[in-house]
Amino acid sequence: MKQFIQKNNDLLLNGPISKGILLFVIPIFIGNLFQQLYNIVDSLIVGNYLGSSSLAAVSSSTALILLMIGFFDGLSIGSGVVIARYYGNKDIEKMQRTIHTCIGFALITGIVLTAVGIYFVPYILVLMDTPEHVLPESITYFRIYFMGSMFFVLYNMSSSILRSVGDSVTPLKFLMIASITNIILDYFLVGVMGYGVGAAAFATITSQFISAFLCINYLIKVNSDYKLHFSKIKIEKFYLKQILKNGIPAGIQGSIISLANVVVQSNVNHFGEYAVAGNGSYEKISGFTFLPITCFSLAISTFISQNLGAGNLERMKKGAKFSIFTGVLLAEFIGLIVYITIPYLMTFFTDDLRVISFGVRKARICAAFSCLLAFSHIMSGILRGLGRAYVPMFIMLTFWCIVRVTYLNIVVPIFPSIDTISWAYPITWSLSSLVYLIYYIRIKWEKL
């Protein structure tokens, strides 16, 4: 196993393509697996120790949390694309200045996000039609969660810096430490001490602080071209433009997806706390289907960007084909497992049959179409690596936001049910995949 996760910053630029991508993907996969596990443990502990009402309170804010995560994940990935290109081109000075601009920008956005989030939480949750009896707990959970915004943004940016130079192992180690800490704190504060949802949120932001601190500390101490110097942290206009040119479309894409999911969540909220809890529990489970998707999307984005900087055009084309095939196959395999085992998996969250029923119904509609979700996201990663982040942004805006929201506003009132809401996903995944396929076929690799 050690040979699969050894650190090798040039594995994406040299050697066998499949081996290079897999060696890069595996640590990301393990890290995301740990992240998904501590998200699930959070819901398991809340649901089993505090009840379905508290689980609904946490679940009702999930879409909003994902909206924030979606934007800043995209922003950090877009920033990493810029760094990866300079790394592939061996332009160390520009890479260094981009890195320090990234950290400076992350510090400012973290402060702003914390202040804005804490103030506007109650208004946003009301707009989302959060059930009134769970609203106080939802506000408590989300306000505390926002207090850790700085740590979340800093970890995302610093881990993206490391991955952009080919190091996906170091962020994994730090994320594992943070995840284990989160699980222990969750169990102690909620399960043993009997505190409420606020304690679960506190456990999460504590783990985010640990991961951010470890990542930044590593960048400061590492003896490498991507070393971080506090004295050099500043926002340079030229490099900020490069970051925003790639990061803003990727961030908007991430937030578009999450914003559409906020609208979905608002529709689910109309069906009461059991639907909210069931939907939220399934989303935690479906995160496992999403694991290979995010891993290959992130890996191919870095792979394409580094090799574009190095001028390895044929290598880029082969890497794209490998990532599409492998990522889609893995996602569909996991999706089918979820489809078959969902009634059993739901019992880990609750023994309430009403909650389980809602989760099963959504899974039976969405899980089988995981291949379409994977294809769209991996294609998005390819285009980001090519510096065409605006293309997936417009595709997602059109199909995953406008079409999805239009469907919810027109079809759901006519056929009001959780099933109708759930079909919004595979329908829009199919449409975006078709457009991505057409665009991919038309890419002229030799002219890049």
Protein backbone atom coordinates (compact mmCIF):
# COMPACT_ATOMS: atom_id res chain seq x y z
CA MET A 1 0.00 0.00 0.00
CA LYS A 2 2.90 2.29 0.76
CA GLN A 3 4.01 2.37 -2.89
CA PHE A 4 0.55 3.57 -3.92
CA ILE A 5 0.58 6.63 -1.68
CA GLN A 6 4.21 7.63 -1.78
CA LYS A 7 4.79 11.29 -2.46
CA ASN A 8 6.10 12.00 -5.96
CA ASN A 9 5.47 15.50 -7.17
CA ASP A 10 6.29 14.69 -10.83
CA LEU A 11 4.14 11.58 -11.21
CA LEU A 12 1.59 13.46 -13.35
CA LEU A 13 4.24 14.74 -15.78
CA ASN A 14 6.29 11.57 -16.29
CA GLY A 15 5.86 7.81 -16.49
CA PRO A 16 2.77 5.66 -17.18
CA ILE A 17 -0.37 7.80 -17.34
CA SER A 18 -2.74 5.40 -15.60
CA LYS A 19 -0.29 4.75 -12.77
CA GLY A 20 0.41 8.46 -12.33
CA ILE A 21 -3.26 9.41 -12.14
CA LEU A 22 -4.14 6.52 -9.80
CA LEU A 23 -1.21 7.29 -7.48
CA PHE A 24 -2.49 10.87 -7.33
CA VAL A 25 -6.15 9.86 -6.95
CA ILE A 26 -5.82 7.26 -4.19
CA PRO A 27 -4.75 9.67 -1.40
CA ILE A 28 -7.52 12.08 -2.46
CA PHE A 29 -10.01 9.21 -2.39
CA ILE A 30 -8.92 8.11 1.08
CA GLY A 31 -9.07 11.72 2.32
CA ASN A 32 -12.55 12.25 0.89
CA LEU A 33 -13.61 8.91 2.36
CA PHE A 34 -12.56 10.07 5.82
CA GLN A 35 -14.34 13.38 5.26
CA GLN A 36 -17.49 11.58 4.20
CA LEU A 37 -17.24 9.25 7.19
CA TYR A 38 -17.06 12.09 9.69
CA ASN A 39 -20.00 13.79 7.97
CA ILE A 40 -21.98 10.57 8.33
CA VAL A 41 -20.89 10.04 11.94
CA ASP A 42 -22.09 13.57 12.66
CA SER A 43 -25.57 12.63 11.41
CA LEU A 44 -25.49 9.19 13.03
CA ILE A 45 -24.70 10.62 16.45
CA VAL A 46 -27.22 13.47 16.14
CA GLY A 47 -29.95 11.13 14.86
CA ASN A 48 -29.40 8.39 17.42
CA TYR A 49 -28.73 10.53 20.51
CA LEU A 50 -30.81 13.65 19.85
CA GLY A 51 -33.65 12.27 17.67
CA SER A 52 -35.19 12.87 14.25
CA SER A 53 -36.08 16.50 15.03
CA SER A 54 -32.42 17.42 15.65
CA LEU A 55 -31.38 15.35 12.63
CA ALA A 56 -33.84 17.38 10.55
CA ALA A 57 -32.36 20.60 11.99
CA VAL A 58 -28.88 19.58 10.85
CA SER A 59 -30.14 18.23 7.50
CA SER A 60 -32.11 21.38 6.72
CA SER A 61 -28.88 23.39 6.73
CA THR A 62 -26.94 20.83 4.68
CA ALA A 63 -27.80 22.38 1.31
CA LEU A 64 -26.72 25.79 2.57
CA ILE A 65 -23.42 24.42 3.86
CA LEU A 66 -22.85 22.73 0.50
CA LEU A 67 -23.53 26.07 -1.23
CA MET A 68 -20.64 27.62 0.70
CA ILE A 69 -18.41 24.59 0.22
CA GLY A 70 -19.25 24.46 -3.49
CA PHE A 71 -18.10 28.01 -4.15
CA PHE A 72 -14.86 27.88 -2.18
CA ASP A 73 -14.01 24.38 -3.38
CA GLY A 74 -14.32 25.69 -6.93
CA LEU A 75 -12.31 28.80 -6.12
CA SER A 76 -9.46 26.79 -4.59
CA ILE A 77 -9.49 24.27 -7.46
CA GLY A 78 -9.34 27.13 -9.97
CA SER A 79 -6.42 28.63 -8.05
CA GLY A 80 -4.68 25.26 -8.13
CA VAL A 81 -5.01 25.14 -11.93
CA VAL A 82 -2.96 28.35 -12.20
CA ILE A 83 -0.28 27.04 -9.84
CA ALA A 84 -0.18 23.66 -11.62
CA ARG A 85 0.45 25.33 -14.97
CA TYR A 86 3.36 27.36 -13.60
CA TYR A 87 4.68 24.19 -11.95
CA GLY A 88 4.50 22.25 -15.23
CA ASN A 89 6.27 25.12 -17.00
CA LYS A 90 8.93 25.29 -14.22
CA ASP A 91 8.24 29.00 -13.66
CA ILE A 92 9.05 29.05 -9.94
CA GLU A 93 8.84 32.82 -9.42
CA LYS A 94 5.31 33.10 -10.80
CA MET A 95 4.26 29.99 -8.91
CA GLN A 96 5.55 31.47 -5.64
CA ARG A 97 3.78 34.79 -6.16
CA THR A 98 0.54 33.01 -7.05
CA ILE A 99 0.76 30.88 -3.88
CA HIS A 100 1.18 33.91 -1.61
CA THR A 101 -1.64 35.75 -3.35
CA CYS A 102 -3.86 32.68 -2.83
CA ILE A 103 -3.22 32.62 0.92
CA GLY A 104 -3.74 36.38 1.26
CA PHE A 105 -7.01 36.16 -0.63
CA ALA A 106 -8.12 33.20 1.52
CA LEU A 107 -7.52 35.16 4.74
CA ILE A 108 -9.68 38.07 3.59
CA THR A 109 -12.51 35.95 2.21
CA GLY A 110 -12.53 33.82 5.37
CA ILE A 111 -13.09 36.87 7.57
CA VAL A 112 -15.82 38.27 5.32
CA LEU A 113 -17.60 34.92 5.04
CA THR A 114 -17.67 34.47 8.82
CA ALA A 115 -19.22 37.88 9.46
CA VAL A 116 -21.77 37.70 6.64
CA GLY A 117 -22.74 34.10 7.39
CA ILE A 118 -23.37 34.57 11.10
CA TYR A 119 -25.59 37.60 10.48
CA PHE A 120 -27.70 36.26 7.59
CA VAL A 121 -28.23 32.65 8.74
CA PRO A 122 -31.74 33.14 10.24
CA TYR A 123 -33.04 34.96 7.16
CA ILE A 124 -31.67 32.37 4.74
CA LEU A 125 -33.10 29.41 6.65
CA VAL A 126 -36.53 31.08 6.77
CA LEU A 127 -36.36 31.69 3.00
CA MET A 128 -35.62 27.98 2.59
CA ASP A 129 -38.91 27.14 4.36
CA THR A 130 -37.11 25.30 7.14
CA PRO A 131 -39.77 23.65 9.36
CA GLU A 132 -40.58 26.09 12.17
CA HIS A 133 -40.09 23.66 15.04
CA VAL A 134 -36.52 22.81 13.94
CA LEU A 135 -35.55 26.38 13.00
CA PRO A 136 -33.92 27.36 16.35
CA GLU A 137 -31.61 24.32 16.28
CA SER A 138 -30.82 24.90 12.59
CA ILE A 139 -29.81 28.50 13.31
CA THR A 140 -27.61 27.40 16.22
CA TYR A 141 -25.88 24.70 14.18
CA PHE A 142 -25.24 26.85 11.15
CA ARG A 143 -24.05 29.94 13.05
CA ILE A 144 -21.45 27.90 14.90
CA TYR A 145 -20.47 26.23 11.62
CA PHE A 146 -19.87 29.65 10.04
CA MET A 147 -17.50 30.58 12.87
CA GLY A 148 -15.06 28.12 11.34
CA SER A 149 -15.22 29.63 7.85
CA MET A 150 -11.67 30.97 8.08
CA PHE A 151 -10.28 27.51 8.83
CA PHE A 152 -12.34 25.91 6.07
CA VAL A 153 -11.18 28.40 3.42
CA LEU A 154 -7.52 28.24 4.50
CA TYR A 155 -7.46 24.44 4.45
CA ASN A 156 -9.10 24.30 1.04
CA MET A 157 -6.64 26.78 -0.44
CA SER A 158 -3.51 25.33 1.16
CA SER A 159 -4.42 21.72 0.30
CA SER A 160 -5.15 22.83 -3.27
CA ILE A 161 -1.67 24.36 -3.43
CA LEU A 162 -0.13 21.05 -2.39
CA ARG A 163 -2.19 19.02 -4.85
CA SER A 164 -1.40 21.43 -7.69
CA VAL A 165 2.30 20.53 -7.38
CA GLY A 166 1.48 16.81 -7.31
CA ASP A 167 1.41 16.21 -3.53
CA SER A 168 -1.92 14.61 -2.65
CA VAL A 169 -0.47 12.62 0.28
CA THR A 170 0.23 15.44 2.75
CA PRO A 171 -3.34 16.86 2.72
CA LEU A 172 -4.56 13.28 3.25
CA LYS A 173 -2.55 12.87 6.47
CA PHE A 174 -3.84 16.14 7.89
CA LEU A 175 -7.43 15.42 6.89
CA MET A 176 -7.28 12.00 8.56
CA ILE A 177 -6.11 13.57 11.82
CA ALA A 178 -8.89 16.18 11.64
CA SER A 179 -11.55 13.60 10.77
CA ILE A 180 -10.67 11.32 13.68
CA THR A 181 -10.68 14.33 16.02
CA ASN A 182 -14.13 15.31 14.75
CA ILE A 183 -15.56 11.83 15.36
CA ILE A 184 -14.14 11.64 18.90
CA LEU A 185 -15.43 15.12 19.81
CA ASP A 186 -18.83 14.38 18.27
CA TYR A 187 -19.28 11.25 20.33
CA PHE A 188 -17.99 12.81 23.55
CA LEU A 189 -19.92 16.10 23.37
CA VAL A 190 -23.22 14.74 22.02
CA GLY A 191 -23.24 11.04 22.91
CA VAL A 192 -21.56 11.17 26.33
CA MET A 193 -22.16 14.72 27.59
CA GLY A 194 -25.60 15.06 26.01
CA TYR A 195 -25.09 18.49 24.47
CA GLY A 196 -27.21 19.55 21.47
CA VAL A 197 -26.57 20.22 17.79
CA GLY A 198 -24.35 23.17 18.65
CA ALA A 199 -21.80 20.73 20.07
CA ALA A 200 -21.78 18.77 16.80
CA ALA A 201 -21.07 21.99 14.91
CA PHE A 202 -18.31 22.88 17.39
CA ALA A 203 -16.68 19.48 16.80
CA THR A 204 -16.70 20.19 13.06
CA ILE A 205 -15.06 23.62 13.25
CA THR A 206 -12.46 22.29 15.69
CA SER A 207 -11.45 19.65 13.16
CA GLN A 208 -11.37 22.31 10.43
CA PHE A 209 -9.01 24.41 12.55
CA ILE A 210 -6.69 21.42 13.02
CA SER A 211 -6.54 20.61 9.29
CA ALA A 212 -5.95 24.27 8.35
CA PHE A 213 -3.23 24.74 10.98
CA LEU A 214 -1.38 21.57 9.96
CA CYS A 215 -1.52 22.43 6.25
CA ILE A 216 -0.33 26.03 6.67
CA ASN A 217 2.37 24.94 9.11
CA TYR A 218 3.61 22.37 6.59
CA LEU A 219 3.80 24.96 3.80
CA ILE A 220 5.82 27.25 6.07
CA LYS A 221 8.31 24.54 7.07
CA VAL A 222 8.67 22.58 3.82
CA ASN A 223 11.99 22.96 2.00
CA SER A 224 10.66 23.29 -1.53
CA ASP A 225 9.81 25.72 -4.32
CA TYR A 226 6.27 26.06 -2.97
CA LYS A 227 7.37 27.07 0.56
CA LEU A 228 5.16 29.70 2.21
CA HIS A 229 6.75 32.84 3.73
CA PHE A 230 4.56 34.98 6.00
CA SER A 231 6.47 38.10 4.96
CA LYS A 232 5.58 37.49 1.29
CA ILE A 233 1.83 37.06 1.81
CA LYS A 234 0.16 39.81 -0.19
CA ILE A 235 -2.39 40.14 -2.95
CA GLU A 236 -0.76 40.97 -6.28
CA LYS A 237 -3.20 42.26 -8.86
CA PHE A 238 -1.86 40.28 -11.83
CA TYR A 239 -1.91 36.94 -10.03
CA LEU A 240 -5.24 37.64 -8.38
CA LYS A 241 -6.69 38.17 -11.87
CA GLN A 242 -5.30 34.80 -12.96
CA ILE A 243 -6.74 33.14 -9.87
CA LEU A 244 -10.15 34.74 -10.30
CA LYS A 245 -10.20 34.04 -14.05
CA ASN A 246 -10.02 30.32 -13.31
CA GLY A 247 -11.41 30.26 -9.78
CA ILE A 248 -14.55 32.39 -10.13
CA PRO A 249 -16.11 30.27 -12.93
CA ALA A 250 -15.23 27.09 -10.99
CA GLY A 251 -16.59 28.64 -7.79
CA ILE A 252 -19.76 29.82 -9.51
CA GLN A 253 -20.16 26.34 -10.96
CA GLY A 254 -19.88 24.83 -7.50
CA SER A 255 -22.31 27.32 -6.01
CA ILE A 256 -24.72 26.92 -8.94
CA ILE A 257 -24.98 23.23 -8.18
CA SER A 258 -25.44 23.91 -4.49
CA LEU A 259 -27.89 26.76 -5.10
CA ALA A 260 -30.06 24.47 -7.18
CA ASN A 261 -29.85 21.96 -4.33
CA VAL A 262 -31.00 24.68 -1.92
CA VAL A 263 -34.11 25.03 -4.10
CA VAL A 264 -34.50 21.25 -4.02
CA GLN A 265 -34.14 21.33 -0.23
CA SER A 266 -36.81 24.03 -0.01
CA ASN A 267 -39.18 21.77 -1.94
CA VAL A 268 -38.34 18.83 0.32
CA ASN A 269 -38.94 20.98 3.41
CA HIS A 270 -42.61 21.32 2.41
CA PHE A 271 -43.07 17.60 3.09
CA GLY A 272 -42.12 17.90 6.78
CA GLU A 273 -39.36 16.77 9.12
CA TYR A 274 -39.43 13.07 8.13
CA ALA A 275 -38.84 13.95 4.47
CA VAL A 276 -36.09 16.40 5.49
CA ALA A 277 -34.37 13.82 7.69
CA GLY A 278 -34.73 11.06 5.07
CA ASN A 279 -33.42 13.26 2.28
CA GLY A 280 -30.50 14.45 4.42
CA SER A 281 -29.57 10.90 5.43
CA TYR A 282 -29.58 9.71 1.82
CA GLU A 283 -27.38 12.66 0.81
CA LYS A 284 -24.81 11.51 3.35
CA ILE A 285 -24.89 7.99 1.87
CA SER A 286 -24.76 9.23 -1.73
CA GLY A 287 -21.57 11.05 -0.84
CA PHE A 288 -19.82 7.68 -1.22
CA THR A 289 -20.98 7.54 -4.85
CA PHE A 290 -19.58 11.01 -5.31
CA LEU A 291 -16.13 10.08 -3.95
CA PRO A 292 -14.57 8.73 -7.19
CA ILE A 293 -16.26 11.52 -9.12
CA THR A 294 -14.63 14.34 -7.15
CA CYS A 295 -11.30 12.48 -7.04
CA PHE A 296 -11.01 12.00 -10.80
CA SER A 297 -12.37 15.47 -11.54
CA LEU A 298 -9.74 17.05 -9.31
CA ALA A 299 -6.97 14.74 -10.52
CA ILE A 300 -7.61 15.30 -14.22
CA SER A 301 -7.81 19.05 -13.70
CA THR A 302 -4.32 19.06 -12.15
CA PHE A 303 -3.02 16.51 -14.69
CA ILE A 304 -4.23 18.53 -17.68
CA SER A 305 -2.97 21.85 -16.29
CA GLN A 306 0.53 20.56 -15.46
CA ASN A 307 0.93 18.85 -18.84
CA LEU A 308 -0.46 21.86 -20.71
CA GLY A 309 2.22 23.97 -19.02
CA ALA A 310 4.85 21.38 -20.00
CA GLY A 311 3.52 21.09 -23.57
CA ASN A 312 2.64 17.37 -23.29
CA LEU A 313 -0.48 17.49 -25.49
CA GLU A 314 -0.75 13.79 -26.41
CA ARG A 315 -0.32 12.85 -22.75
CA MET A 316 -3.22 15.16 -21.86
CA LYS A 317 -5.54 13.48 -24.34
CA LYS A 318 -4.74 9.97 -23.09
CA GLY A 319 -5.10 11.04 -19.46
CA ALA A 320 -8.53 12.54 -20.15
CA LYS A 321 -9.79 9.29 -21.72
CA PHE A 322 -8.47 7.19 -18.84
CA SER A 323 -10.07 9.42 -16.18
CA ILE A 324 -13.45 9.47 -17.90
CA PHE A 325 -13.58 5.69 -18.30
CA THR A 326 -12.32 4.82 -14.82
CA GLY A 327 -14.25 7.50 -12.92
CA VAL A 328 -17.56 6.75 -14.63
CA LEU A 329 -17.18 3.00 -14.10
CA LEU A 330 -16.37 3.35 -10.39
CA ALA A 331 -19.20 5.81 -9.75
CA GLU A 332 -21.78 3.55 -11.40
CA PHE A 333 -20.52 0.51 -9.49
CA ILE A 334 -20.86 2.29 -6.13
CA GLY A 335 -24.20 3.77 -7.19
CA LEU A 336 -25.62 0.31 -7.90
CA ILE A 337 -24.43 -0.94 -4.51
CA VAL A 338 -26.23 1.97 -2.84
CA TYR A 339 -29.34 1.26 -4.93
CA ILE A 340 -29.46 -2.34 -3.70
CA THR A 341 -28.51 -1.80 -0.04
CA ILE A 342 -30.22 1.53 0.71
CA PRO A 343 -32.98 0.13 3.02
CA TYR A 344 -30.29 -1.37 5.24
CA LEU A 345 -27.98 1.66 5.07
CA MET A 346 -30.76 4.02 6.18
CA THR A 347 -31.19 2.08 9.44
CA PHE A 348 -27.78 3.33 10.58
CA PHE A 349 -29.23 6.83 10.81
CA THR A 350 -32.62 6.13 12.33
CA ASP A 351 -35.12 3.39 13.10
CA ASP A 352 -38.05 5.63 12.13
CA LEU A 353 -39.69 3.89 9.16
CA ARG A 354 -41.11 7.19 7.86
CA VAL A 355 -37.62 8.69 7.58
CA ILE A 356 -36.22 5.49 6.03
CA SER A 357 -39.00 5.43 3.43
CA PHE A 358 -38.17 8.90 2.11
CA GLY A 359 -34.46 8.06 1.84
CA VAL A 360 -35.13 4.81 -0.01
CA ARG A 361 -37.44 6.47 -2.51
CA LYS A 362 -34.85 9.08 -3.46
CA ALA A 363 -32.06 6.50 -3.74
CA ARG A 364 -34.09 4.27 -6.04
CA ILE A 365 -34.41 7.18 -8.48
CA CYS A 366 -30.96 8.80 -8.29
CA ALA A 367 -28.36 6.12 -7.50
CA ALA A 368 -28.66 4.19 -10.78
CA PHE A 369 -27.73 7.30 -12.80
CA SER A 370 -24.40 7.91 -11.04
CA CYS A 371 -22.51 7.37 -14.33
CA LEU A 372 -24.08 10.53 -15.78
CA LEU A 373 -23.16 12.57 -12.72
CA ALA A 374 -19.58 11.28 -12.99
CA PHE A 375 -19.23 12.07 -16.68
CA SER A 376 -20.39 15.67 -16.20
CA HIS A 377 -18.01 16.34 -13.31
CA ILE A 378 -14.95 14.71 -14.90
CA MET A 379 -15.55 16.62 -18.13
CA SER A 380 -15.76 19.75 -16.03
CA GLY A 381 -12.33 18.94 -14.54
CA ILE A 382 -10.84 18.43 -18.01
CA LEU A 383 -12.09 21.81 -19.22
CA ARG A 384 -10.89 23.60 -16.07
CA GLY A 385 -7.43 22.13 -16.62
CA LEU A 386 -7.48 23.48 -20.18
CA GLY A 387 -8.25 26.95 -18.83
CA ARG A 388 -11.84 26.86 -20.12
CA ALA A 389 -13.56 27.03 -16.74
CA TYR A 390 -16.29 29.24 -18.18
CA VAL A 391 -17.61 26.37 -20.35
CA PRO A 392 -18.64 24.02 -17.50
CA MET A 393 -19.90 27.06 -15.62
CA PHE A 394 -22.38 27.87 -18.40
CA ILE A 395 -23.35 24.23 -18.89
CA MET A 396 -24.06 23.80 -15.18
CA LEU A 397 -25.86 27.15 -15.00
CA THR A 398 -28.12 26.12 -17.87
CA PHE A 399 -28.98 22.55 -16.92
CA TRP A 400 -28.26 22.11 -13.21
CA CYS A 401 -29.68 25.46 -12.19
CA ILE A 402 -32.10 26.99 -14.71
CA VAL A 403 -33.56 23.73 -16.08
CA ARG A 404 -33.63 22.06 -12.65
CA VAL A 405 -35.32 25.01 -10.92
CA THR A 406 -37.78 25.41 -13.81
CA TYR A 407 -38.66 21.72 -13.53
CA LEU A 408 -39.22 22.06 -9.78
CA ASN A 409 -41.43 25.13 -10.21
CA ILE A 410 -43.56 23.65 -13.01
CA VAL A 411 -43.70 19.87 -12.50
CA VAL A 412 -43.64 19.53 -8.70
CA PRO A 413 -46.81 21.62 -8.12
CA ILE A 414 -48.62 19.37 -10.63
CA PHE A 415 -47.26 16.08 -9.21
CA PRO A 416 -46.30 16.94 -5.62
CA SER A 417 -44.15 14.14 -4.21
CA ILE A 418 -40.60 13.32 -3.15
CA ASP A 419 -40.31 11.13 -6.26
CA THR A 420 -41.07 14.07 -8.56
CA ILE A 421 -38.46 16.20 -6.79
CA SER A 422 -35.86 13.43 -7.00
CA TRP A 423 -36.26 13.03 -10.78
CA ALA A 424 -34.89 16.57 -11.18
CA TYR A 425 -31.40 15.11 -10.72
CA PRO A 426 -31.12 12.35 -13.38
CA ILE A 427 -32.99 14.49 -15.92
CA THR A 428 -30.53 17.38 -15.63
CA TRP A 429 -27.52 15.04 -15.39
CA SER A 430 -28.56 13.48 -18.71
CA LEU A 431 -28.88 16.83 -20.48
CA SER A 432 -25.53 18.18 -19.25
CA SER A 433 -23.76 14.91 -20.14
CA LEU A 434 -25.05 15.12 -23.71
CA VAL A 435 -23.74 18.67 -24.15
CA TYR A 436 -20.38 17.79 -22.56
CA LEU A 437 -20.03 14.80 -24.91
CA ILE A 438 -20.63 16.99 -27.97
CA TYR A 439 -18.11 19.57 -26.72
CA TYR A 440 -15.50 16.90 -25.90
CA ILE A 441 -15.71 15.36 -29.38
CA ARG A 442 -15.07 18.81 -30.90
CA ILE A 443 -11.91 19.56 -28.84
CA LYS A 444 -8.90 19.96 -31.14
CA TRP A 445 -6.11 18.71 -28.87
CA GLU A 446 -3.35 19.35 -31.40
CA LYS A 447 -4.14 23.09 -31.43
CA LEU A 448 -4.07 23.64 -27.66
